[in-house]
């Protein structure tokens, strides 16, 4: 079974089937089930099994890496995980296989376009549409040109140029129909379904019927090699077709035909199927409110039983219930359902934002790591082959690598020991300086007390006390040194919001003179000194609490950002916090 064909067929119905399931353990699967074809076979009917098969394929390593990414990208795309799908498609597109195979490259670019279309990223979508069009023209591939032109037309329509959009989409559909492309019928299904949706939305009944007639020939006719074998797909396509036809016939005033199509629509599938929404415009136009309420309540019950009530399909159910109750005069129930609809939409929006952020973060945070793993596997394979062919050279290379790594480890250990010893010496020096300062302060206090006693004996009137209060703000180097030491001894640097102003308030020091003294005499700026104290304190914490995480240590030391902490630590000690912590352990 060819994956290109299956992707095109699934594209038509990708928004109609999103099911949550608990993945099966790969260990419970028989070997005969662990194939790429079976991932597609169970993609809609048993997602948990499809995911378990995919995991088993990753484990056994019997498929090329690019093909695993290709297949898992399709699995993610057709289960609504578009950002994850982008990661896998992008990785497959970067493979040597895609670079050498123009057909594979265009198929993957086509998939990237579909993902960006689903995530409403028109800028990135446009980039890949242009890329596909250039490649298709270079290869003389009319089918892929049609795909690119159709997506251009969709973008034009969605951006307000409906006339231009319709013209380009119709042109693309005609171009695709004129090709002998092996999977043109799957593409035409998608093209005609999209055009039909737009024409019905704009109430262009004649155009909608014309497109629907073309769609009927594809849905009802056998297309030979393009039979997908996906469980239940044929019946779902048939049901969707009759639902669309009931809406279009009603739009044209051909009520008898509309009624007949609706009867066929109702006879297929289950009353609570998610695709019941397709025929709702017909039911509302015919004022069949009791039928709307019956179907909507069944759908509501089904969603509740499944525990899946926060999705766009359920918003449609709520909206249909609210409108039907309103039209029948039950304003209390209508208001209740409209209120629930508003809450549900807010919940979906919040969940989508959170989900998209987490998914995007996961996709992009792991992308580089995944690429590294792939490269390492390739390098190991090459080294193994070279070892068999040239054993002596391989042993030499391995020996050099081991010695080099050992040298690096020894260097890091020596560096870490030096850092720790240096920091301990700094801490002892700071403690001694603090003790000396306390002794000096006590001595100065005692001298002042004696001077006051002498003044009293001489009966000299005591002047205004404010005239005798001195601060550390003088430009005396000793007092500046005391202030600099106090920042460390009193651990003012641990405050993440520490500033020159806050130090002035805490130490009663002239901030301007302190900064000037530090730059001229010490050759260091204020915040450089603060960060030096912070990373030094981090060394102490790493030594005393090796189980603390880097994130926790950065916060304890007053850093607002783990990344900034890492840069400061590496700059000061020549080794990153991760390497320091690893070496200490």
Protein backbone atom coordinates (compact mmCIF):
# COMPACT_ATOMS: atom_id res chain seq x y z
CA UNK A 1 0.00 0.00 0.00
CA UNK A 2 1.38 3.42 -0.95
CA UNK A 3 1.40 6.11 1.75
CA UNK A 4 0.98 8.95 -0.75
CA UNK A 5 -2.41 7.63 -1.79
CA UNK A 6 -3.57 7.16 1.78
CA UNK A 7 -2.53 10.67 2.82
CA UNK A 8 -4.60 12.23 0.04
CA UNK A 9 -7.67 10.17 0.97
CA UNK A 10 -7.36 11.04 4.67
CA UNK A 11 -6.92 14.74 3.91
CA UNK A 12 -10.63 15.03 3.00
CA UNK A 13 -11.80 13.73 6.37
CA UNK A 14 -8.97 14.76 8.71
CA UNK A 15 -11.14 17.20 10.68
CA UNK A 16 -13.99 14.65 11.15
CA UNK A 17 -12.06 12.05 13.15
CA UNK A 18 -10.08 12.97 16.26
CA UNK A 19 -10.21 10.28 18.91
CA UNK A 20 -8.43 10.01 22.23
CA UNK A 21 -7.05 6.62 23.20
CA UNK A 22 -4.54 4.98 25.54
CA UNK A 23 -1.61 3.53 23.60
CA UNK A 24 -1.12 -0.21 23.66
CA UNK A 25 2.15 -1.61 24.82
CA UNK A 26 4.34 -2.55 21.85
CA UNK A 27 5.29 -5.75 23.61
CA UNK A 28 1.69 -7.11 23.26
CA UNK A 29 1.75 -6.88 19.45
CA UNK A 30 2.54 -9.89 17.24
CA UNK A 31 5.35 -9.38 14.73
CA UNK A 32 2.95 -9.82 11.81
CA UNK A 33 1.05 -6.71 12.95
CA UNK A 34 4.12 -4.48 13.18
CA UNK A 35 4.17 -3.03 9.65
CA UNK A 36 3.90 0.46 8.18
CA UNK A 37 0.70 -0.47 6.35
CA UNK A 38 -1.02 -1.38 9.62
CA UNK A 39 -0.30 2.07 11.06
CA UNK A 40 -2.50 3.45 8.28
CA UNK A 41 -5.01 0.64 8.55
CA UNK A 42 -5.86 1.44 12.19
CA UNK A 43 -5.31 5.20 12.02
CA UNK A 44 -9.03 6.05 12.34
CA UNK A 45 -10.62 2.94 13.81
CA UNK A 46 -8.11 2.17 16.59
CA UNK A 47 -5.66 5.00 17.19
CA UNK A 48 -4.13 3.33 20.25
CA UNK A 49 -3.19 0.31 18.17
CA UNK A 50 -1.79 2.50 15.39
CA UNK A 51 0.39 4.36 17.93
CA UNK A 52 1.56 1.08 19.48
CA UNK A 53 2.54 -0.26 16.06
CA UNK A 54 4.41 2.98 15.35
CA UNK A 55 6.31 2.66 18.63
CA UNK A 56 7.20 -0.96 17.82
CA UNK A 57 8.46 0.09 14.38
CA UNK A 58 10.72 2.65 16.04
CA UNK A 59 12.03 -0.01 18.41
CA UNK A 60 12.81 -2.77 15.92
CA UNK A 61 14.66 -0.41 13.54
CA UNK A 62 13.72 -2.38 10.42
CA UNK A 63 12.49 0.67 8.51
CA UNK A 64 14.76 3.51 7.32
CA UNK A 65 14.70 6.57 9.57
CA UNK A 66 13.20 8.81 6.87
CA UNK A 67 10.33 6.35 6.34
CA UNK A 68 9.63 6.16 10.08
CA UNK A 69 9.43 9.97 10.20
CA UNK A 70 7.23 9.96 7.07
CA UNK A 71 4.80 7.45 8.63
CA UNK A 72 4.73 9.02 12.10
CA UNK A 73 4.16 12.42 10.51
CA UNK A 74 1.03 11.03 8.82
CA UNK A 75 -0.10 9.48 12.11
CA UNK A 76 0.31 12.78 13.98
CA UNK A 77 -1.34 14.82 11.22
CA UNK A 78 -4.41 12.61 11.02
CA UNK A 79 -4.87 12.61 14.81
CA UNK A 80 -4.77 16.40 15.06
CA UNK A 81 -1.17 16.85 16.29
CA UNK A 82 -0.09 19.21 13.55
CA UNK A 83 2.99 20.68 15.24
CA UNK A 84 4.37 17.21 15.94
CA UNK A 85 3.60 16.21 12.35
CA UNK A 86 5.60 19.22 11.15
CA UNK A 87 8.60 18.02 13.12
CA UNK A 88 8.57 14.55 11.56
CA UNK A 89 7.85 15.78 8.02
CA UNK A 90 10.59 18.37 8.29
CA UNK A 91 13.06 15.73 9.45
CA UNK A 92 12.12 13.39 6.60
CA UNK A 93 12.43 16.30 4.17
CA UNK A 94 15.99 16.94 5.38
CA UNK A 95 17.02 13.33 4.74
CA UNK A 96 19.36 12.31 1.96
CA UNK A 97 16.57 10.15 0.52
CA UNK A 98 14.31 13.18 -0.01
CA UNK A 99 17.18 15.15 -1.51
CA UNK A 100 17.77 12.39 -4.08
CA UNK A 101 14.10 11.62 -4.80
CA UNK A 102 12.09 14.49 -6.35
CA UNK A 103 8.76 12.65 -5.95
CA UNK A 104 9.33 12.02 -2.24
CA UNK A 105 10.48 15.62 -1.77
CA UNK A 106 7.28 17.00 -3.36
CA UNK A 107 5.08 14.64 -1.34
CA UNK A 108 6.68 15.85 1.90
CA UNK A 109 6.41 19.52 0.90
CA UNK A 110 2.72 18.85 0.14
CA UNK A 111 2.29 17.50 3.66
CA UNK A 112 4.07 20.50 5.17
CA UNK A 113 1.62 22.76 3.32
CA UNK A 114 -1.33 20.84 4.77
CA UNK A 115 0.08 21.13 8.32
CA UNK A 116 0.63 24.88 8.04
CA UNK A 117 -2.88 25.18 6.57
CA UNK A 118 -4.33 23.42 9.64
CA UNK A 119 -2.33 25.63 12.04
CA UNK A 120 -3.37 28.78 10.10
CA UNK A 121 0.24 29.79 9.50
CA UNK A 122 -0.28 31.48 6.14
CA UNK A 123 3.28 32.84 5.92
CA UNK A 124 4.99 29.47 6.27
CA UNK A 125 2.33 27.83 4.13
CA UNK A 126 3.00 30.31 1.32
CA UNK A 127 6.75 29.57 1.49
CA UNK A 128 6.18 25.85 0.97
CA UNK A 129 3.54 26.43 -1.72
CA UNK A 130 6.11 28.43 -3.71
CA UNK A 131 8.71 25.73 -3.08
CA UNK A 132 6.34 23.01 -4.34
CA UNK A 133 5.40 25.05 -7.41
CA UNK A 134 9.05 25.65 -8.31
CA UNK A 135 9.94 21.98 -7.91
CA UNK A 136 6.85 20.82 -9.84
CA UNK A 137 7.62 23.18 -12.74
CA UNK A 138 11.25 22.05 -12.72
CA UNK A 139 10.15 18.40 -12.92
CA UNK A 140 7.25 19.07 -15.32
CA UNK A 141 4.82 17.56 -12.81
CA UNK A 142 1.34 18.93 -13.60
CA UNK A 143 -0.28 17.12 -10.67
CA UNK A 144 1.95 18.79 -8.10
CA UNK A 145 1.52 22.12 -9.89
CA UNK A 146 -2.23 21.64 -9.44
CA UNK A 147 -1.74 20.98 -5.71
CA UNK A 148 0.31 24.17 -5.33
CA UNK A 149 -2.16 26.28 -7.34
CA UNK A 150 -5.13 24.94 -5.35
CA UNK A 151 -3.50 25.97 -2.06
CA UNK A 152 -2.77 29.41 -3.52
CA UNK A 153 -6.46 29.69 -4.36
CA UNK A 154 -7.46 28.72 -0.82
CA UNK A 155 -5.19 31.41 0.60
CA UNK A 156 -6.63 34.03 -1.75
CA UNK A 157 -10.18 33.04 -0.76
CA UNK A 158 -9.43 33.14 2.98
CA UNK A 159 -7.75 36.53 2.62
CA UNK A 160 -10.87 38.06 1.06
CA UNK A 161 -10.26 37.64 -2.68
CA UNK A 162 -13.07 35.13 -3.18
CA UNK A 163 -13.35 35.65 -6.93
CA UNK A 164 -9.63 35.12 -7.50
CA UNK A 165 -9.61 32.21 -5.08
CA UNK A 166 -12.46 30.42 -6.84
CA UNK A 167 -10.82 30.98 -10.23
CA UNK A 168 -7.49 29.52 -9.12
CA UNK A 169 -9.03 26.54 -7.28
CA UNK A 170 -11.22 25.67 -10.30
CA UNK A 171 -8.14 25.94 -12.55
CA UNK A 172 -6.21 23.61 -10.25
CA UNK A 173 -9.05 21.05 -10.19
CA UNK A 174 -9.23 21.04 -14.00
CA UNK A 175 -5.46 20.65 -14.22
CA UNK A 176 -5.52 17.71 -11.79
CA UNK A 177 -8.41 16.05 -13.67
CA UNK A 178 -6.43 16.26 -16.93
CA UNK A 179 -3.40 14.43 -15.52
CA UNK A 180 -2.73 10.71 -15.47
CA UNK A 181 -1.46 11.04 -11.91
CA UNK A 182 -1.82 7.74 -10.11
CA UNK A 183 -3.61 9.37 -7.17
CA UNK A 184 -5.49 12.14 -8.90
CA UNK A 185 -8.88 10.93 -7.56
CA UNK A 186 -7.77 11.37 -3.98
CA UNK A 187 -6.63 14.90 -4.76
CA UNK A 188 -9.88 15.64 -6.61
CA UNK A 189 -11.88 14.45 -3.58
CA UNK A 190 -10.12 17.06 -1.49
CA UNK A 191 -10.40 19.79 -4.16
CA UNK A 192 -14.11 19.22 -4.78
CA UNK A 193 -14.98 18.91 -1.08
CA UNK A 194 -13.20 22.21 -0.35
CA UNK A 195 -14.89 24.01 -3.27
CA UNK A 196 -18.25 22.56 -2.24
CA UNK A 197 -17.84 23.85 1.33
CA UNK A 198 -16.98 27.35 0.09
CA UNK A 199 -19.84 27.46 -2.47
CA UNK A 200 -22.41 26.33 0.10
CA UNK A 201 -21.10 28.87 2.61
CA UNK A 202 -21.52 31.64 -0.01
CA UNK A 203 -24.97 30.20 -1.02
CA UNK A 204 -23.86 29.69 -4.63
CA UNK A 205 -26.18 26.74 -5.21
CA UNK A 206 -25.61 26.26 -8.94
CA UNK A 207 -21.83 26.14 -8.54
CA UNK A 208 -22.17 23.87 -5.51
CA UNK A 209 -24.32 21.43 -7.50
CA UNK A 210 -21.84 21.42 -10.39
CA UNK A 211 -19.00 20.54 -8.05
CA UNK A 212 -21.15 18.00 -6.21
CA UNK A 213 -21.92 16.17 -9.44
CA UNK A 214 -18.20 15.89 -10.12
CA UNK A 215 -17.62 14.67 -6.59
CA UNK A 216 -20.34 12.02 -6.99
CA UNK A 217 -18.52 10.40 -9.92
CA UNK A 218 -15.43 10.05 -7.76
CA UNK A 219 -17.14 8.88 -4.55
CA UNK A 220 -19.38 6.29 -6.22
CA UNK A 221 -17.01 5.00 -8.91
CA UNK A 222 -14.29 2.41 -8.44
CA UNK A 223 -10.83 3.89 -8.85
CA UNK A 224 -8.88 0.66 -9.02
CA UNK A 225 -5.49 0.97 -7.40
CA UNK A 226 -6.63 3.85 -5.22
CA UNK A 227 -8.78 1.73 -2.90
CA UNK A 228 -7.32 2.45 0.51
CA UNK A 229 -8.65 -0.41 2.61
CA UNK A 230 -9.09 1.89 5.60
CA UNK A 231 -11.92 0.52 7.72
CA UNK A 232 -15.16 2.49 7.39
CA UNK A 233 -13.76 5.17 5.07
CA UNK A 234 -15.99 4.37 2.06
CA UNK A 235 -19.20 4.53 4.10
CA UNK A 236 -18.14 7.79 5.75
CA UNK A 237 -17.44 9.35 2.36
CA UNK A 238 -20.81 8.19 1.06
CA UNK A 239 -22.61 9.59 4.09
CA UNK A 240 -20.83 12.95 3.82
CA UNK A 241 -21.75 13.07 0.10
CA UNK A 242 -25.49 12.55 0.78
CA UNK A 243 -25.42 15.12 3.57
CA UNK A 244 -23.88 17.72 1.25
CA UNK A 245 -26.36 16.86 -1.50
CA UNK A 246 -29.35 17.32 0.83
CA UNK A 247 -28.06 20.81 1.72
CA UNK A 248 -27.41 21.78 -1.92
CA UNK A 249 -30.76 20.45 -3.22
CA UNK A 250 -32.56 22.36 -0.49
CA UNK A 251 -30.54 25.48 -1.36
CA UNK A 252 -31.82 25.16 -4.95
CA UNK A 253 -35.42 24.55 -3.84
CA UNK A 254 -35.47 20.92 -5.02
CA UNK A 255 -37.04 19.66 -1.84
CA UNK A 256 -38.02 16.14 -2.91
CA UNK A 257 -34.45 15.36 -3.94
CA UNK A 258 -33.17 16.96 -0.75
CA UNK A 259 -35.50 14.77 1.34
CA UNK A 260 -34.39 11.62 -0.47
CA UNK A 261 -30.71 12.46 0.05
CA UNK A 262 -31.36 13.11 3.73
CA UNK A 263 -33.03 9.70 4.09
CA UNK A 264 -29.93 8.06 2.58
CA UNK A 265 -27.73 10.20 4.82
CA UNK A 266 -29.65 9.07 7.92
CA UNK A 267 -29.48 5.41 6.92
CA UNK A 268 -25.68 5.39 6.97
CA UNK A 269 -23.58 5.35 10.12
CA UNK A 270 -24.98 5.96 13.59
CA UNK A 271 -27.44 8.68 14.69
CA UNK A 272 -24.81 10.16 16.99
CA UNK A 273 -21.95 10.21 14.45
CA UNK A 274 -19.85 13.37 14.46
CA UNK A 275 -20.61 14.03 10.80
CA UNK A 276 -24.31 14.70 11.57
CA UNK A 277 -23.44 18.40 11.42
CA UNK A 278 -23.15 18.19 7.61
CA UNK A 279 -26.94 17.97 7.13
CA UNK A 280 -27.90 20.48 9.83
CA UNK A 281 -28.33 23.43 7.36
CA UNK A 282 -30.93 21.29 5.55
CA UNK A 283 -32.81 20.51 8.79
CA UNK A 284 -32.86 24.14 9.88
CA UNK A 285 -34.08 25.32 6.48
CA UNK A 286 -36.88 22.73 6.61
CA UNK A 287 -37.64 23.71 10.22
CA UNK A 288 -37.31 20.12 11.40
CA UNK A 289 -36.52 21.24 14.93
CA UNK A 290 -37.64 18.06 16.67
CA UNK A 291 -35.24 16.06 14.48
CA UNK A 292 -32.45 18.51 15.24
CA UNK A 293 -33.10 18.22 18.97
CA UNK A 294 -33.26 14.41 18.80
CA UNK A 295 -29.97 14.06 16.93
CA UNK A 296 -28.21 16.74 18.97
CA UNK A 297 -29.23 15.14 22.27
CA UNK A 298 -27.91 11.77 21.05
CA UNK A 299 -24.63 13.39 20.07
CA UNK A 300 -24.48 15.21 23.41
CA UNK A 301 -25.02 11.95 25.28
CA UNK A 302 -22.34 10.20 23.25
CA UNK A 303 -19.77 12.90 23.89
CA UNK A 304 -20.52 12.82 27.63
CA UNK A 305 -20.21 9.03 27.76
CA UNK A 306 -16.84 9.29 26.05
CA UNK A 307 -15.76 12.04 28.43
CA UNK A 308 -14.90 14.22 25.44
CA UNK A 309 -16.96 17.42 25.73
CA UNK A 310 -14.31 20.06 25.04
CA UNK A 311 -13.97 20.04 21.24
CA UNK A 312 -15.28 21.86 18.18
CA UNK A 313 -17.74 19.07 17.33
CA UNK A 314 -19.39 19.58 20.71
CA UNK A 315 -19.65 23.34 20.12
CA UNK A 316 -21.65 22.50 16.98
CA UNK A 317 -23.96 20.30 19.07
CA UNK A 318 -24.43 23.10 21.62
CA UNK A 319 -25.08 25.68 18.92
CA UNK A 320 -27.64 23.45 17.19
CA UNK A 321 -29.44 22.78 20.49
CA UNK A 322 -29.52 26.48 21.34
CA UNK A 323 -30.86 27.49 17.90
CA UNK A 324 -33.47 24.72 17.86
CA UNK A 325 -34.74 25.59 21.35
CA UNK A 326 -34.88 29.25 20.37
CA UNK A 327 -36.87 28.54 17.21
CA UNK A 328 -39.37 26.39 19.16
CA UNK A 329 -39.88 29.15 21.74
CA UNK A 330 -38.11 27.41 24.61
CA UNK A 331 -36.05 30.49 25.44
CA UNK A 332 -34.94 29.23 28.83
CA UNK A 333 -33.21 26.16 27.34
CA UNK A 334 -31.92 28.26 24.45
CA UNK A 335 -30.31 30.76 26.82
CA UNK A 336 -28.86 27.92 28.89
CA UNK A 337 -27.25 26.30 25.83
CA UNK A 338 -25.99 29.62 24.46
CA UNK A 339 -24.33 30.25 27.81
CA UNK A 340 -22.75 26.78 27.81
CA UNK A 341 -21.62 27.39 24.23
CA UNK A 342 -19.80 30.59 25.23
CA UNK A 343 -18.08 28.83 28.14
CA UNK A 344 -17.15 25.89 25.91
CA UNK A 345 -15.59 28.13 23.26
CA UNK A 346 -13.53 29.92 25.89
CA UNK A 347 -12.39 26.56 27.28
CA UNK A 348 -11.41 25.29 23.83
CA UNK A 349 -9.51 28.49 23.06
CA UNK A 350 -7.62 28.30 26.36
CA UNK A 351 -6.86 24.61 25.87
CA UNK A 352 -5.71 25.15 22.29
CA UNK A 353 -3.35 27.93 23.33
CA UNK A 354 -1.88 25.79 26.10
CA UNK A 355 -1.75 22.66 23.94
CA UNK A 356 -0.20 24.47 20.99
CA UNK A 357 2.42 26.07 23.25
CA UNK A 358 3.32 22.76 24.90
CA UNK A 359 3.29 20.86 21.63
CA UNK A 360 5.34 23.50 19.87
CA UNK A 361 7.83 23.62 22.74
CA UNK A 362 8.10 19.83 22.78
CA UNK A 363 8.49 19.67 19.00
CA UNK A 364 11.19 22.31 18.76
CA UNK A 365 13.01 21.50 22.03
CA UNK A 366 13.43 17.87 20.97
CA UNK A 367 14.13 18.52 17.28
CA UNK A 368 17.86 19.12 17.69
CA UNK A 369 18.21 16.24 20.09
CA UNK A 370 16.43 13.90 17.65
CA UNK A 371 18.65 15.05 14.80
CA UNK A 372 21.74 14.40 16.93
CA UNK A 373 20.54 10.87 17.74
CA UNK A 374 19.99 10.15 14.04
CA UNK A 375 23.44 11.44 13.14
CA UNK A 376 25.03 9.42 15.94
CA UNK A 377 23.33 6.26 14.68
CA UNK A 378 24.61 6.92 11.18
CA UNK A 379 28.11 7.61 12.46
CA UNK A 380 28.12 4.41 14.50
CA UNK A 381 27.07 2.42 11.45
CA UNK A 382 29.88 3.96 9.40
CA UNK A 383 32.42 3.32 12.15
CA UNK A 384 31.30 -0.31 12.39
CA UNK A 385 31.76 -0.82 8.65
CA UNK A 386 35.17 0.83 8.75
CA UNK A 387 36.16 -1.32 11.73
CA UNK A 388 35.44 -4.49 9.75
CA UNK A 389 37.32 -3.23 6.67
CA UNK A 390 40.17 -1.41 8.40
CA UNK A 391 40.36 -2.75 11.96
CA UNK A 392 43.69 -1.16 12.82
CA UNK A 393 42.53 2.32 11.75
CA UNK A 394 39.28 1.94 13.68
CA UNK A 395 41.09 0.91 16.86
CA UNK A 396 43.40 3.90 16.49
CA UNK A 397 40.47 6.31 16.09
CA UNK A 398 38.66 4.85 19.11
CA UNK A 399 41.83 5.07 21.19
CA UNK A 400 42.36 8.72 20.24
CA UNK A 401 38.76 9.56 21.08
CA UNK A 402 39.00 7.81 24.46
CA UNK A 403 42.27 9.56 25.32
CA UNK A 404 40.86 12.90 24.24
CA UNK A 405 37.70 12.44 26.32
CA UNK A 406 39.81 11.36 29.28
CA UNK A 407 41.96 14.46 28.87
CA UNK A 408 38.85 16.64 28.81
CA UNK A 409 37.47 14.94 31.92
CA UNK A 410 40.75 15.38 33.77
CA UNK A 411 40.92 19.02 32.72
CA UNK A 412 37.36 19.60 33.91
CA UNK A 413 38.04 17.89 37.23
CA UNK A 414 41.15 19.98 37.79
CA UNK A 415 39.25 23.11 36.82
CA UNK A 416 36.39 22.25 39.17
CA UNK A 417 38.83 21.63 42.05
CA UNK A 418 40.49 24.98 41.35
CA UNK A 419 37.13 26.74 41.26
CA UNK A 420 36.02 25.17 44.55
CA UNK A 421 39.30 25.90 46.32
CA UNK A 422 39.30 29.47 45.02
CA UNK A 423 35.74 30.03 46.16
CA UNK A 424 36.47 28.56 49.60
CA UNK A 425 39.45 30.90 49.91
CA UNK A 426 37.26 33.85 48.90
CA UNK A 427 34.68 32.82 51.49
CA UNK A 428 37.35 32.60 54.23
CA UNK A 429 38.77 35.95 53.21
CA UNK A 430 35.31 37.49 53.26
CA UNK A 431 34.67 36.02 56.74
CA UNK A 432 37.98 37.44 58.03
CA UNK A 433 37.23 40.80 56.47
CA UNK A 434 33.82 40.80 58.15
CA UNK A 435 35.37 39.97 61.53
CA UNK A 436 37.97 42.74 61.07
CA UNK A 437 35.26 45.19 60.12
CA UNK A 438 33.26 44.28 63.22
CA UNK A 439 36.38 44.80 65.41
CA UNK A 440 37.11 48.12 63.69
CA UNK A 441 33.51 49.23 64.16
CA UNK A 442 33.63 48.31 67.84
CA UNK A 443 36.89 50.16 68.32
CA UNK A 444 35.58 53.26 66.57
CA UNK A 445 32.46 53.14 68.72
CA UNK A 446 34.56 52.91 71.86
CA UNK A 447 36.72 55.90 70.75
CA UNK A 448 33.58 57.95 70.08
CA UNK A 449 32.22 57.09 73.52
CA UNK A 450 35.48 58.20 75.13
CA UNK A 451 35.49 61.44 73.15
CA UNK A 452 31.93 62.13 74.33
CA UNK A 453 33.00 61.56 77.92
CA UNK A 454 35.89 64.02 77.47
CA UNK A 455 33.55 66.59 75.94
CA UNK A 456 31.18 66.24 78.86
CA UNK A 457 34.02 66.75 81.30
CA UNK A 458 35.02 69.91 79.48
CA UNK A 459 31.35 70.93 79.62
CA UNK A 460 31.31 71.74 75.93
CA UNK A 461 27.71 72.01 74.72
CA UNK A 462 26.67 69.16 72.46
CA UNK A 463 25.96 70.40 68.97
CA UNK A 464 23.23 69.24 66.64
CA UNK A 465 23.58 65.42 66.41
CA UNK A 466 22.92 65.53 62.69
CA UNK A 467 26.18 67.42 62.20
CA UNK A 468 28.14 64.44 63.59
CA UNK A 469 26.51 61.59 61.73
CA UNK A 470 28.89 60.18 59.16
CA UNK A 471 28.03 57.64 56.54
CA UNK A 472 30.02 55.22 54.51
CA UNK A 473 29.39 57.62 51.66
CA UNK A 474 32.79 59.28 52.00
CA UNK A 475 35.35 58.66 49.37
CA UNK A 476 37.67 57.06 51.98
CA UNK A 477 39.06 53.89 50.30
CA UNK A 478 38.72 51.88 53.51
CA UNK A 479 35.03 52.70 53.78
CA UNK A 480 34.51 51.91 50.10
CA UNK A 481 36.21 48.55 50.64
CA UNK A 482 33.94 47.91 53.63
CA UNK A 483 30.88 48.66 51.52
CA UNK A 484 32.06 46.32 48.75
CA UNK A 485 32.73 43.59 51.29
CA UNK A 486 29.34 44.14 52.95
CA UNK A 487 27.56 43.38 49.65
CA UNK A 488 29.06 39.89 49.85
CA UNK A 489 29.03 39.30 53.61
CA UNK A 490 25.42 40.42 53.98
CA UNK A 491 24.50 38.51 50.79
CA UNK A 492 22.77 41.46 49.19
CA UNK A 493 23.57 39.89 45.82
CA UNK A 494 20.99 37.13 46.46
CA UNK A 495 18.19 39.65 45.92
CA UNK A 496 17.10 39.17 42.24
CA UNK A 497 16.07 42.85 42.17
CA UNK A 498 19.30 44.18 43.66
CA UNK A 499 20.34 47.56 42.24
CA UNK A 500 22.72 50.42 42.97
CA UNK A 501 19.85 52.27 44.64
CA UNK A 502 18.93 49.33 46.89
CA UNK A 503 22.58 48.95 47.99
CA UNK A 504 22.70 52.67 48.80
CA UNK A 505 19.61 52.30 51.01
CA UNK A 506 20.85 49.11 52.74
CA UNK A 507 24.45 50.23 53.38
CA UNK A 508 23.91 53.99 53.73
CA UNK A 509 26.54 54.55 51.04
CA UNK A 510 26.85 57.10 48.26
CA UNK A 511 26.04 54.87 45.29
CA UNK A 512 27.70 57.12 42.73
CA UNK A 513 31.00 57.15 44.58
CA UNK A 514 30.82 53.43 45.22
CA UNK A 515 30.31 52.65 41.53
CA UNK A 516 33.07 55.09 40.55
CA UNK A 517 35.45 53.54 43.10
CA UNK A 518 34.69 50.00 41.90
CA UNK A 519 35.33 50.89 38.25
CA UNK A 520 38.51 52.93 38.85
CA UNK A 521 40.16 50.99 41.67
CA UNK A 522 38.79 47.48 41.17
CA UNK A 523 38.34 47.53 37.39
CA UNK A 524 34.89 45.98 37.66
CA UNK A 525 31.39 47.27 37.06
CA UNK A 526 28.71 47.03 39.72
CA UNK A 527 26.62 44.25 38.14
CA UNK A 528 29.71 42.33 37.03
CA UNK A 529 30.69 42.22 40.71
CA UNK A 530 27.16 41.14 41.70
CA UNK A 531 27.21 38.29 39.14
CA UNK A 532 30.72 37.28 40.31
CA UNK A 533 29.40 36.91 43.86
CA UNK A 534 26.36 35.02 42.63
CA UNK A 535 28.26 32.41 40.62
CA UNK A 536 30.71 32.03 43.51
CA UNK A 537 27.80 31.34 45.83
CA UNK A 538 26.52 28.83 43.26
CA UNK A 539 29.78 26.89 43.56
CA UNK A 540 29.21 26.66 47.32
CA UNK A 541 25.65 25.40 46.84
CA UNK A 542 26.69 22.84 44.21
CA UNK A 543 29.34 21.58 46.64
CA UNK A 544 27.10 21.41 49.71
CA UNK A 545 23.89 20.33 47.91
CA UNK A 546 24.79 18.20 44.87
CA UNK A 547 21.14 17.09 44.53
CA UNK A 548 19.91 20.65 43.81
CA UNK A 549 18.91 21.28 40.18
CA UNK A 550 20.58 23.99 38.09
CA UNK A 551 17.23 25.80 37.85
CA UNK A 552 16.91 25.87 41.66
CA UNK A 553 20.49 27.04 42.19
CA UNK A 554 20.11 29.86 39.64
CA UNK A 555 17.03 31.14 41.50
CA UNK A 556 18.67 30.82 44.92
CA UNK A 557 21.64 32.86 43.69
CA UNK A 558 19.41 35.68 42.49
CA UNK A 559 19.29 34.99 38.75
CA UNK A 560 15.94 35.47 36.99
CA UNK A 561 16.99 33.31 34.03
CA UNK A 562 18.68 29.92 33.99
CA UNK A 563 20.21 30.71 30.59
CA UNK A 564 21.76 33.96 31.86
CA UNK A 565 23.07 32.12 34.92
CA UNK A 566 24.70 29.55 32.61
CA UNK A 567 26.39 32.24 30.52
CA UNK A 568 27.75 34.07 33.61
CA UNK A 569 29.00 30.84 35.21
CA UNK A 570 30.73 29.66 32.04
CA UNK A 571 32.29 33.08 31.41
CA UNK A 572 33.68 33.28 34.94
CA UNK A 573 34.90 29.71 35.43
CA UNK A 574 35.39 28.40 31.90
CA UNK A 575 33.04 25.46 32.49
CA UNK A 576 29.24 25.26 32.25
CA UNK A 577 27.06 24.57 35.32
CA UNK A 578 25.98 21.25 33.78
CA UNK A 579 29.58 20.11 33.29
CA UNK A 580 30.56 21.42 36.75
CA UNK A 581 27.70 19.58 38.44
CA UNK A 582 28.41 16.40 36.44
CA UNK A 583 32.10 16.50 37.37
CA UNK A 584 31.31 17.13 41.05
CA UNK A 585 28.94 14.14 41.13
